[in-house]
Amino acid sequence: MLFKIVFISDESESFLREITIDADATFLDLNKAILDACDYDDGLVTSFFTCDDGWEQQDQITREDMDLDPGDKDIYVMEKSTLRDFISDEDQKLVFVFDPFNDRVFYMKVTEIITGKNLKKPIVSRSEGKAPKQLVAITEPSDATKGQITVNDDEEGDEYFGSDGFNDDELDLEGFEIQEY
């Protein structure tokens, strides 16, 4: 059995990839196929989430065992998790986190299930547009602005947003009494 999985990015309207992959492949196989399809580096932390119809995240499938508290949601490892175990029908939604530091994701959807066929390796069956950059650089302050502090130069010197017209007599302290125990 094969799955056709389409994924898009909310960062680029023209970007779309479709991967055809065997149902017995692991999420690690799908992870590699996605990274290859986008020319991304394979050395970063990535993860998948299964989603309900409203895109609410459910099960997490991680690249490595994070050894988190067992009380957390179910967390699975890509290498040991087959697609067949998590995908049961067309329209199954998934999220692929490719830049966890900036919460950047691909939205994925199973568009077709093809029975009676197998694939040894996943293939990119459709490719449109340019993939978003894998990592977004955090902007460092320029040398001209390093160490500078912005000061509000109000005439009274102690004004802040929302403080105009504040009168201490208007503050009702009745509900804020501290009681000794």
N, C-alpha and C. Protein backbone atom coordinates (compact mmCIF):
# COMPACT_ATOMS: atom_id res chain seq x y z
N MET A 1 0.85 -1.17 0.00
CA MET A 1 0.00 0.00 0.00
C MET A 1 0.90 1.24 0.00
N LEU A 2 0.47 2.27 -0.73
CA LEU A 2 1.20 3.52 -0.83
C LEU A 2 0.36 4.67 -0.30
N PHE A 3 1.06 5.66 0.24
CA PHE A 3 0.42 6.91 0.65
C PHE A 3 0.96 8.03 -0.22
N LYS A 4 0.07 8.89 -0.74
CA LYS A 4 0.47 10.13 -1.37
C LYS A 4 0.22 11.21 -0.34
N ILE A 5 1.29 11.91 0.01
CA ILE A 5 1.22 12.92 1.06
C ILE A 5 1.66 14.26 0.47
N VAL A 6 0.79 15.24 0.56
CA VAL A 6 1.09 16.60 0.08
C VAL A 6 1.45 17.44 1.29
N PHE A 7 2.46 18.30 1.13
CA PHE A 7 2.76 19.24 2.21
C PHE A 7 3.02 20.62 1.65
N ILE A 8 2.58 21.60 2.45
CA ILE A 8 2.69 23.01 2.09
C ILE A 8 3.26 23.80 3.26
N SER A 9 3.58 25.05 3.00
CA SER A 9 4.09 25.94 4.03
C SER A 9 3.24 27.21 4.05
N ASP A 10 2.98 27.73 5.23
CA ASP A 10 2.25 28.99 5.30
C ASP A 10 3.16 30.18 4.99
N GLU A 11 4.45 29.92 4.73
CA GLU A 11 5.39 30.98 4.42
C GLU A 11 5.49 31.27 2.92
N SER A 12 5.06 30.32 2.09
CA SER A 12 5.19 30.47 0.65
C SER A 12 3.98 29.86 -0.04
N GLU A 13 3.16 30.69 -0.66
CA GLU A 13 1.95 30.21 -1.32
C GLU A 13 2.25 29.32 -2.51
N SER A 14 3.40 29.51 -3.16
CA SER A 14 3.71 28.74 -4.37
C SER A 14 4.37 27.39 -4.05
N PHE A 15 4.74 27.16 -2.79
CA PHE A 15 5.44 25.93 -2.42
C PHE A 15 4.47 24.79 -2.18
N LEU A 16 4.78 23.65 -2.80
CA LEU A 16 4.02 22.43 -2.59
C LEU A 16 4.90 21.25 -2.98
N ARG A 17 4.88 20.22 -2.16
CA ARG A 17 5.56 18.97 -2.49
C ARG A 17 4.59 17.83 -2.23
N GLU A 18 4.72 16.80 -3.06
CA GLU A 18 3.94 15.58 -2.86
C GLU A 18 4.93 14.42 -2.86
N ILE A 19 4.82 13.61 -1.84
CA ILE A 19 5.68 12.43 -1.72
C ILE A 19 4.81 11.20 -1.76
N THR A 20 5.23 10.23 -2.56
CA THR A 20 4.59 8.93 -2.59
C THR A 20 5.51 7.99 -1.85
N ILE A 21 4.96 7.30 -0.83
CA ILE A 21 5.78 6.50 0.07
C ILE A 21 5.02 5.23 0.47
N ASP A 22 5.76 4.19 0.72
CA ASP A 22 5.16 2.92 1.12
C ASP A 22 4.60 3.02 2.53
N ALA A 23 3.49 2.36 2.77
CA ALA A 23 2.84 2.40 4.08
C ALA A 23 3.69 1.76 5.17
N ASP A 24 4.59 0.86 4.78
CA ASP A 24 5.46 0.20 5.76
C ASP A 24 6.74 0.99 6.04
N ALA A 25 6.91 2.11 5.37
CA ALA A 25 8.07 2.98 5.64
C ALA A 25 7.91 3.59 7.03
N THR A 26 9.02 4.00 7.60
CA THR A 26 8.99 4.64 8.92
C THR A 26 8.88 6.15 8.75
N PHE A 27 8.58 6.81 9.84
CA PHE A 27 8.56 8.27 9.83
C PHE A 27 9.97 8.82 9.58
N LEU A 28 11.00 8.05 9.92
CA LEU A 28 12.36 8.48 9.61
C LEU A 28 12.57 8.50 8.10
N ASP A 29 12.00 7.52 7.39
CA ASP A 29 12.06 7.51 5.92
C ASP A 29 11.33 8.73 5.35
N LEU A 30 10.17 9.04 5.90
CA LEU A 30 9.41 10.21 5.44
C LEU A 30 10.17 11.49 5.76
N ASN A 31 10.78 11.55 6.94
CA ASN A 31 11.59 12.69 7.35
C ASN A 31 12.70 12.95 6.33
N LYS A 32 13.42 11.89 5.96
CA LYS A 32 14.52 12.03 4.99
C LYS A 32 13.98 12.46 3.63
N ALA A 33 12.86 11.90 3.21
CA ALA A 33 12.27 12.26 1.91
C ALA A 33 11.88 13.74 1.87
N ILE A 34 11.32 14.25 2.97
CA ILE A 34 10.93 15.66 3.04
C ILE A 34 12.16 16.55 2.98
N LEU A 35 13.17 16.22 3.78
CA LEU A 35 14.40 17.02 3.80
C LEU A 35 15.07 17.02 2.43
N ASP A 36 15.13 15.86 1.77
CA ASP A 36 15.71 15.78 0.43
C ASP A 36 14.90 16.59 -0.57
N ALA A 37 13.58 16.53 -0.49
CA ALA A 37 12.70 17.24 -1.42
C ALA A 37 12.86 18.75 -1.30
N CYS A 38 13.32 19.21 -0.15
CA CYS A 38 13.46 20.65 0.09
C CYS A 38 14.92 21.10 0.11
N ASP A 39 15.85 20.17 -0.12
CA ASP A 39 17.30 20.45 -0.04
C ASP A 39 17.68 20.97 1.34
N TYR A 40 17.14 20.36 2.38
CA TYR A 40 17.44 20.75 3.75
C TYR A 40 18.52 19.84 4.33
N ASP A 41 19.23 20.37 5.31
CA ASP A 41 20.25 19.62 6.05
C ASP A 41 19.56 18.58 6.93
N ASP A 42 20.16 17.41 7.04
CA ASP A 42 19.57 16.32 7.80
C ASP A 42 20.05 16.29 9.26
N GLY A 43 20.79 17.28 9.69
CA GLY A 43 21.37 17.24 11.03
C GLY A 43 20.59 17.97 12.11
N LEU A 44 19.38 18.40 11.82
CA LEU A 44 18.62 19.17 12.80
C LEU A 44 17.52 18.34 13.45
N VAL A 45 17.07 18.80 14.58
CA VAL A 45 15.97 18.14 15.28
C VAL A 45 14.68 18.42 14.54
N THR A 46 13.94 17.36 14.23
CA THR A 46 12.66 17.50 13.55
C THR A 46 11.66 16.60 14.26
N SER A 47 10.39 16.83 14.01
CA SER A 47 9.37 15.94 14.57
C SER A 47 8.08 16.05 13.77
N PHE A 48 7.25 15.04 13.93
CA PHE A 48 5.93 15.01 13.32
C PHE A 48 4.89 15.04 14.43
N PHE A 49 3.71 15.53 14.10
CA PHE A 49 2.55 15.42 14.96
C PHE A 49 1.39 14.92 14.11
N THR A 50 0.66 13.94 14.61
CA THR A 50 -0.60 13.61 13.98
C THR A 50 -1.59 14.68 14.42
N CYS A 51 -2.57 14.97 13.57
CA CYS A 51 -3.53 16.03 13.88
C CYS A 51 -4.94 15.54 13.62
N ASP A 52 -5.88 16.15 14.34
CA ASP A 52 -7.28 15.87 14.05
C ASP A 52 -7.72 16.76 12.88
N ASP A 53 -8.98 16.73 12.54
CA ASP A 53 -9.48 17.50 11.39
C ASP A 53 -9.31 19.00 11.55
N GLY A 54 -9.22 19.47 12.79
CA GLY A 54 -9.04 20.90 13.05
C GLY A 54 -7.58 21.29 13.25
N TRP A 55 -6.65 20.42 12.88
CA TRP A 55 -5.21 20.63 12.99
C TRP A 55 -4.72 20.66 14.43
N GLU A 56 -5.52 20.19 15.37
CA GLU A 56 -5.05 20.09 16.77
C GLU A 56 -4.07 18.93 16.84
N GLN A 57 -2.90 19.20 17.41
CA GLN A 57 -1.85 18.18 17.48
C GLN A 57 -2.21 17.10 18.48
N GLN A 58 -1.89 15.85 18.09
CA GLN A 58 -2.18 14.71 18.95
C GLN A 58 -0.87 14.00 19.29
N ASP A 59 -0.58 12.88 18.65
CA ASP A 59 0.64 12.14 18.95
C ASP A 59 1.85 12.82 18.34
N GLN A 60 2.98 12.78 19.07
CA GLN A 60 4.23 13.33 18.56
C GLN A 60 5.16 12.19 18.20
N ILE A 61 5.82 12.31 17.05
CA ILE A 61 6.80 11.34 16.61
C ILE A 61 8.10 12.11 16.44
N THR A 62 9.08 11.82 17.31
CA THR A 62 10.32 12.60 17.35
C THR A 62 11.47 11.86 16.68
N ARG A 63 12.48 12.60 16.35
CA ARG A 63 13.68 12.04 15.71
C ARG A 63 14.43 11.17 16.69
N GLU A 64 14.51 11.60 17.91
CA GLU A 64 15.25 10.87 18.94
C GLU A 64 14.36 10.71 20.16
N ASP A 65 14.67 9.73 20.97
CA ASP A 65 13.94 9.54 22.22
C ASP A 65 14.37 10.65 23.17
N MET A 66 13.43 11.51 23.51
CA MET A 66 13.74 12.67 24.36
C MET A 66 13.70 12.31 25.84
N ASP A 67 13.30 11.09 26.16
CA ASP A 67 13.25 10.60 27.53
C ASP A 67 12.46 11.56 28.43
N LEU A 68 11.28 11.95 27.93
CA LEU A 68 10.43 12.87 28.66
C LEU A 68 9.58 12.12 29.69
N ASP A 69 8.93 12.86 30.52
CA ASP A 69 8.05 12.32 31.55
C ASP A 69 6.98 11.43 30.90
N PRO A 70 6.82 10.20 31.38
CA PRO A 70 5.81 9.31 30.79
C PRO A 70 4.39 9.85 30.93
N GLY A 71 4.16 10.81 31.79
CA GLY A 71 2.84 11.40 31.96
C GLY A 71 2.46 12.32 30.82
N ASP A 72 3.46 12.71 30.00
CA ASP A 72 3.18 13.57 28.85
C ASP A 72 2.36 12.81 27.82
N LYS A 73 1.92 13.54 26.79
CA LYS A 73 1.22 12.90 25.67
C LYS A 73 2.09 11.77 25.13
N ASP A 74 1.46 10.89 24.37
CA ASP A 74 2.22 9.81 23.75
C ASP A 74 3.27 10.39 22.82
N ILE A 75 4.50 9.92 22.99
CA ILE A 75 5.61 10.37 22.15
C ILE A 75 6.27 9.12 21.58
N TYR A 76 6.48 9.12 20.28
CA TYR A 76 7.04 7.98 19.59
C TYR A 76 8.33 8.39 18.89
N VAL A 77 9.15 7.41 18.52
CA VAL A 77 10.41 7.65 17.83
C VAL A 77 10.25 7.30 16.36
N MET A 78 10.74 8.16 15.48
CA MET A 78 10.56 8.00 14.03
C MET A 78 11.04 6.64 13.53
N GLU A 79 12.20 6.24 13.99
CA GLU A 79 12.83 5.02 13.49
C GLU A 79 11.98 3.77 13.76
N LYS A 80 11.19 3.81 14.83
CA LYS A 80 10.40 2.64 15.23
C LYS A 80 8.92 2.78 14.87
N SER A 81 8.54 3.87 14.24
CA SER A 81 7.12 4.14 13.97
C SER A 81 6.85 4.09 12.48
N THR A 82 6.03 3.14 12.06
CA THR A 82 5.68 3.04 10.64
C THR A 82 4.49 3.94 10.33
N LEU A 83 4.44 4.38 9.10
CA LEU A 83 3.34 5.24 8.67
C LEU A 83 2.01 4.53 8.83
N ARG A 84 1.99 3.25 8.51
CA ARG A 84 0.77 2.44 8.59
C ARG A 84 0.15 2.49 10.00
N ASP A 85 0.99 2.60 11.02
CA ASP A 85 0.49 2.61 12.40
C ASP A 85 -0.22 3.92 12.77
N PHE A 86 0.01 4.98 12.01
CA PHE A 86 -0.55 6.29 12.36
C PHE A 86 -1.49 6.86 11.30
N ILE A 87 -1.41 6.32 10.10
CA ILE A 87 -2.26 6.81 9.01
C ILE A 87 -3.28 5.73 8.69
N SER A 88 -4.54 6.06 8.85
CA SER A 88 -5.58 5.06 8.63
C SER A 88 -6.50 5.40 7.47
N ASP A 89 -6.51 6.66 7.04
CA ASP A 89 -7.40 7.01 5.94
C ASP A 89 -6.92 8.25 5.20
N GLU A 90 -7.52 8.45 4.03
CA GLU A 90 -7.22 9.66 3.28
C GLU A 90 -7.68 10.86 4.11
N ASP A 91 -7.10 11.97 3.84
CA ASP A 91 -7.36 13.21 4.57
C ASP A 91 -6.73 13.25 5.96
N GLN A 92 -5.94 12.23 6.33
CA GLN A 92 -5.21 12.28 7.60
C GLN A 92 -4.29 13.49 7.56
N LYS A 93 -4.29 14.27 8.62
CA LYS A 93 -3.48 15.48 8.69
C LYS A 93 -2.29 15.24 9.62
N LEU A 94 -1.17 15.84 9.24
CA LEU A 94 0.07 15.77 10.01
C LEU A 94 0.73 17.14 9.98
N VAL A 95 1.58 17.37 10.94
CA VAL A 95 2.43 18.56 10.94
C VAL A 95 3.86 18.08 11.05
N PHE A 96 4.75 18.65 10.24
CA PHE A 96 6.18 18.34 10.28
C PHE A 96 6.91 19.58 10.76
N VAL A 97 7.54 19.50 11.91
CA VAL A 97 8.28 20.63 12.48
C VAL A 97 9.71 20.53 11.97
N PHE A 98 10.10 21.46 11.10
CA PHE A 98 11.45 21.43 10.54
C PHE A 98 12.38 22.47 11.16
N ASP A 99 11.82 23.44 11.86
CA ASP A 99 12.62 24.45 12.57
C ASP A 99 11.98 24.66 13.94
N PRO A 100 12.32 23.79 14.90
CA PRO A 100 11.65 23.85 16.21
C PRO A 100 11.98 25.11 17.01
N PHE A 101 13.08 25.77 16.70
CA PHE A 101 13.46 26.96 17.45
C PHE A 101 12.57 28.14 17.12
N ASN A 102 11.96 28.11 15.94
CA ASN A 102 11.08 29.21 15.51
C ASN A 102 9.68 28.72 15.20
N ASP A 103 9.33 27.52 15.64
CA ASP A 103 8.01 26.94 15.42
C ASP A 103 7.56 26.99 13.96
N ARG A 104 8.45 26.59 13.06
CA ARG A 104 8.13 26.59 11.63
C ARG A 104 7.81 25.16 11.21
N VAL A 105 6.73 25.03 10.44
CA VAL A 105 6.20 23.70 10.13
C VAL A 105 5.75 23.61 8.68
N PHE A 106 5.58 22.35 8.24
CA PHE A 106 4.87 22.05 7.02
C PHE A 106 3.55 21.41 7.43
N TYR A 107 2.49 21.79 6.74
CA TYR A 107 1.19 21.18 6.95
C TYR A 107 1.04 20.07 5.92
N MET A 108 0.73 18.87 6.39
CA MET A 108 0.71 17.69 5.53
C MET A 108 -0.67 17.05 5.53
N LYS A 109 -0.99 16.44 4.39
CA LYS A 109 -2.28 15.77 4.28
C LYS A 109 -2.12 14.56 3.36
N VAL A 110 -2.66 13.44 3.78
CA VAL A 110 -2.68 12.25 2.93
C VAL A 110 -3.79 12.47 1.90
N THR A 111 -3.42 12.51 0.63
CA THR A 111 -4.40 12.79 -0.42
C THR A 111 -4.90 11.54 -1.12
N GLU A 112 -4.11 10.46 -1.02
CA GLU A 112 -4.53 9.23 -1.69
C GLU A 112 -3.86 8.03 -1.04
N ILE A 113 -4.61 6.94 -0.95
CA ILE A 113 -4.08 5.66 -0.51
C ILE A 113 -4.23 4.70 -1.69
N ILE A 114 -3.09 4.16 -2.12
CA ILE A 114 -3.08 3.27 -3.29
C ILE A 114 -2.80 1.85 -2.79
N THR A 115 -3.77 0.97 -2.94
CA THR A 115 -3.61 -0.40 -2.48
C THR A 115 -3.00 -1.27 -3.58
N GLY A 116 -2.37 -2.36 -3.16
CA GLY A 116 -1.82 -3.33 -4.11
C GLY A 116 -0.50 -2.94 -4.74
N LYS A 117 0.13 -1.87 -4.28
CA LYS A 117 1.43 -1.44 -4.82
C LYS A 117 2.40 -1.21 -3.67
N ASN A 118 3.68 -1.35 -3.97
CA ASN A 118 4.73 -1.12 -2.99
C ASN A 118 5.84 -0.27 -3.60
N LEU A 119 6.59 0.40 -2.76
CA LEU A 119 7.77 1.17 -3.18
C LEU A 119 8.91 0.86 -2.22
N LYS A 120 10.10 0.70 -2.78
CA LYS A 120 11.27 0.49 -1.91
C LYS A 120 11.73 1.81 -1.29
N LYS A 121 11.69 2.88 -2.10
CA LYS A 121 12.12 4.20 -1.62
C LYS A 121 11.03 5.22 -1.95
N PRO A 122 10.85 6.21 -1.09
CA PRO A 122 9.87 7.26 -1.39
C PRO A 122 10.30 8.07 -2.61
N ILE A 123 9.31 8.63 -3.30
CA ILE A 123 9.61 9.48 -4.45
C ILE A 123 8.86 10.80 -4.31
N VAL A 124 9.45 11.84 -4.84
CA VAL A 124 8.77 13.13 -4.91
C VAL A 124 7.95 13.09 -6.20
N SER A 125 6.65 12.98 -6.07
CA SER A 125 5.78 12.84 -7.23
C SER A 125 5.26 14.18 -7.75
N ARG A 126 5.48 15.23 -6.99
CA ARG A 126 5.07 16.58 -7.43
C ARG A 126 5.92 17.61 -6.69
N SER A 127 6.38 18.61 -7.41
CA SER A 127 7.21 19.64 -6.80
C SER A 127 6.89 20.98 -7.44
N GLU A 128 6.44 21.92 -6.62
CA GLU A 128 6.11 23.26 -7.10
C GLU A 128 6.73 24.29 -6.17
N GLY A 129 7.24 25.35 -6.74
CA GLY A 129 7.77 26.46 -5.96
C GLY A 129 9.04 26.12 -5.21
N LYS A 130 9.58 27.15 -4.60
CA LYS A 130 10.83 27.03 -3.85
C LYS A 130 10.50 26.83 -2.37
N ALA A 131 11.19 25.91 -1.75
CA ALA A 131 10.99 25.65 -0.32
C ALA A 131 11.45 26.85 0.50
N PRO A 132 10.77 27.13 1.61
CA PRO A 132 11.25 28.20 2.49
C PRO A 132 12.62 27.82 3.06
N LYS A 133 13.38 28.81 3.47
CA LYS A 133 14.68 28.52 4.08
C LYS A 133 14.47 27.62 5.29
N GLN A 134 15.43 26.73 5.49
CA GLN A 134 15.30 25.77 6.59
C GLN A 134 15.37 26.46 7.95
N LEU A 135 16.28 27.39 8.09
CA LEU A 135 16.43 28.11 9.35
C LEU A 135 16.30 29.60 9.10
N VAL A 136 15.67 30.27 10.02
CA VAL A 136 15.56 31.72 9.95
C VAL A 136 16.59 32.27 10.93
N ALA A 137 17.45 33.13 10.41
CA ALA A 137 18.51 33.69 11.25
C ALA A 137 17.92 34.68 12.23
N ILE A 138 18.43 34.64 13.45
CA ILE A 138 18.05 35.62 14.46
C ILE A 138 18.93 36.83 14.24
N THR A 139 18.32 37.98 14.12
CA THR A 139 19.05 39.19 13.81
C THR A 139 19.80 39.69 15.04
N GLU A 140 21.08 39.86 14.88
CA GLU A 140 21.91 40.42 15.94
C GLU A 140 21.85 41.95 15.85
N PRO A 141 21.95 42.64 16.99
CA PRO A 141 21.97 44.09 16.92
C PRO A 141 23.22 44.57 16.19
N SER A 142 23.09 45.64 15.44
CA SER A 142 24.24 46.17 14.73
C SER A 142 25.20 46.82 15.72
N ASP A 143 26.43 47.05 15.29
CA ASP A 143 27.41 47.69 16.17
C ASP A 143 26.94 49.08 16.60
N ALA A 144 26.18 49.74 15.73
CA ALA A 144 25.71 51.09 16.04
C ALA A 144 24.67 51.09 17.15
N THR A 145 23.92 49.98 17.32
CA THR A 145 22.86 49.95 18.33
C THR A 145 23.21 49.11 19.55
N LYS A 146 24.33 48.41 19.54
CA LYS A 146 24.71 47.58 20.69
C LYS A 146 24.90 48.45 21.93
N GLY A 147 24.36 48.01 23.02
CA GLY A 147 24.55 48.69 24.30
C GLY A 147 23.68 49.91 24.49
N GLN A 148 22.88 50.29 23.52
CA GLN A 148 22.03 51.46 23.66
C GLN A 148 20.73 51.09 24.35
N ILE A 149 20.26 51.97 25.16
CA ILE A 149 18.98 51.79 25.83
C ILE A 149 18.08 52.93 25.38
N THR A 150 16.90 52.58 24.96
CA THR A 150 15.95 53.61 24.54
C THR A 150 15.27 54.17 25.77
N VAL A 151 15.28 55.48 25.88
CA VAL A 151 14.70 56.15 27.04
C VAL A 151 13.53 56.99 26.57
N ASN A 152 12.44 56.93 27.32
CA ASN A 152 11.29 57.75 27.02
C ASN A 152 11.55 59.14 27.60
N ASP A 153 11.62 60.14 26.77
CA ASP A 153 11.95 61.49 27.22
C ASP A 153 10.71 62.32 27.50
N ASP A 154 9.79 61.80 28.34
CA ASP A 154 8.63 62.57 28.74
C ASP A 154 9.07 63.73 29.61
N GLU A 155 8.25 64.78 29.65
CA GLU A 155 8.61 65.94 30.47
C GLU A 155 8.69 65.57 31.94
N GLU A 156 7.79 64.68 32.39
CA GLU A 156 7.82 64.32 33.80
C GLU A 156 8.81 63.22 34.08
N GLY A 157 9.28 62.52 33.03
CA GLY A 157 10.32 61.53 33.21
C GLY A 157 9.86 60.17 33.68
N ASP A 158 8.66 60.07 34.27
CA ASP A 158 8.24 58.76 34.78
C ASP A 158 6.94 58.30 34.15
N GLU A 159 6.59 58.83 33.01
CA GLU A 159 5.37 58.43 32.32
C GLU A 159 5.62 57.12 31.58
N TYR A 160 4.61 56.31 31.48
CA TYR A 160 4.67 55.08 30.70
C TYR A 160 3.33 54.91 30.02
N PHE A 161 3.26 54.01 29.05
CA PHE A 161 2.04 53.82 28.29
C PHE A 161 0.88 53.49 29.22
N GLY A 162 -0.19 54.24 29.10
CA GLY A 162 -1.38 53.98 29.91
C GLY A 162 -1.40 54.70 31.24
N SER A 163 -0.38 55.48 31.54
CA SER A 163 -0.34 56.11 32.86
C SER A 163 -0.94 57.51 32.85
N ASP A 164 -1.30 58.00 31.70
CA ASP A 164 -1.89 59.34 31.61
C ASP A 164 -3.14 59.43 32.47
N GLY A 165 -3.23 60.41 33.28
CA GLY A 165 -4.43 60.67 34.05
C GLY A 165 -4.66 59.71 35.21
N PHE A 166 -3.67 58.93 35.60
CA PHE A 166 -3.84 58.01 36.71
C PHE A 166 -3.75 58.78 38.02
N ASN A 167 -4.69 58.48 38.91
CA ASN A 167 -4.71 59.15 40.20
C ASN A 167 -4.69 58.06 41.26
N ASP A 168 -3.74 58.12 42.20
CA ASP A 168 -3.62 57.11 43.26
C ASP A 168 -4.90 57.00 44.09
N ASP A 169 -5.65 58.09 44.21
CA ASP A 169 -6.87 58.07 45.02
C ASP A 169 -7.95 57.20 44.37
N GLU A 170 -7.84 56.92 43.06
CA GLU A 170 -8.84 56.13 42.36
C GLU A 170 -8.63 54.63 42.55
N LEU A 171 -7.51 54.23 43.11
CA LEU A 171 -7.21 52.82 43.29
C LEU A 171 -7.97 52.27 44.49
N ASP A 172 -8.78 51.24 44.25
CA ASP A 172 -9.56 50.60 45.31
C ASP A 172 -8.75 49.44 45.86
N LEU A 173 -8.24 49.58 47.08
CA LEU A 173 -7.39 48.57 47.68
C LEU A 173 -8.15 47.54 48.51
N GLU A 174 -9.47 47.60 48.52
CA GLU A 174 -10.25 46.72 49.37
C GLU A 174 -9.98 45.24 49.10
N GLY A 175 -9.86 44.84 47.85
CA GLY A 175 -9.64 43.43 47.52
C GLY A 175 -8.19 43.03 47.59
N PHE A 176 -7.29 43.96 47.93
CA PHE A 176 -5.86 43.67 47.90
C PHE A 176 -5.23 43.68 49.29
N GLU A 177 -6.01 43.46 50.31
CA GLU A 177 -5.47 43.47 51.65
C GLU A 177 -4.67 42.20 51.90
N ILE A 178 -3.54 42.33 52.57
CA ILE A 178 -2.71 41.18 52.93
C ILE A 178 -3.08 40.83 54.37
N GLN A 179 -3.44 39.58 54.55
CA GLN A 179 -3.82 39.13 55.88
C GLN A 179 -2.70 38.31 56.49
N GLU A 180 -2.51 38.47 57.76
CA GLU A 180 -1.51 37.67 58.45
C GLU A 180 -2.16 36.38 58.89
N TYR A 181 -1.46 35.28 58.78
CA TYR A 181 -1.98 33.96 59.14
C TYR A 181 -1.44 33.49 60.44
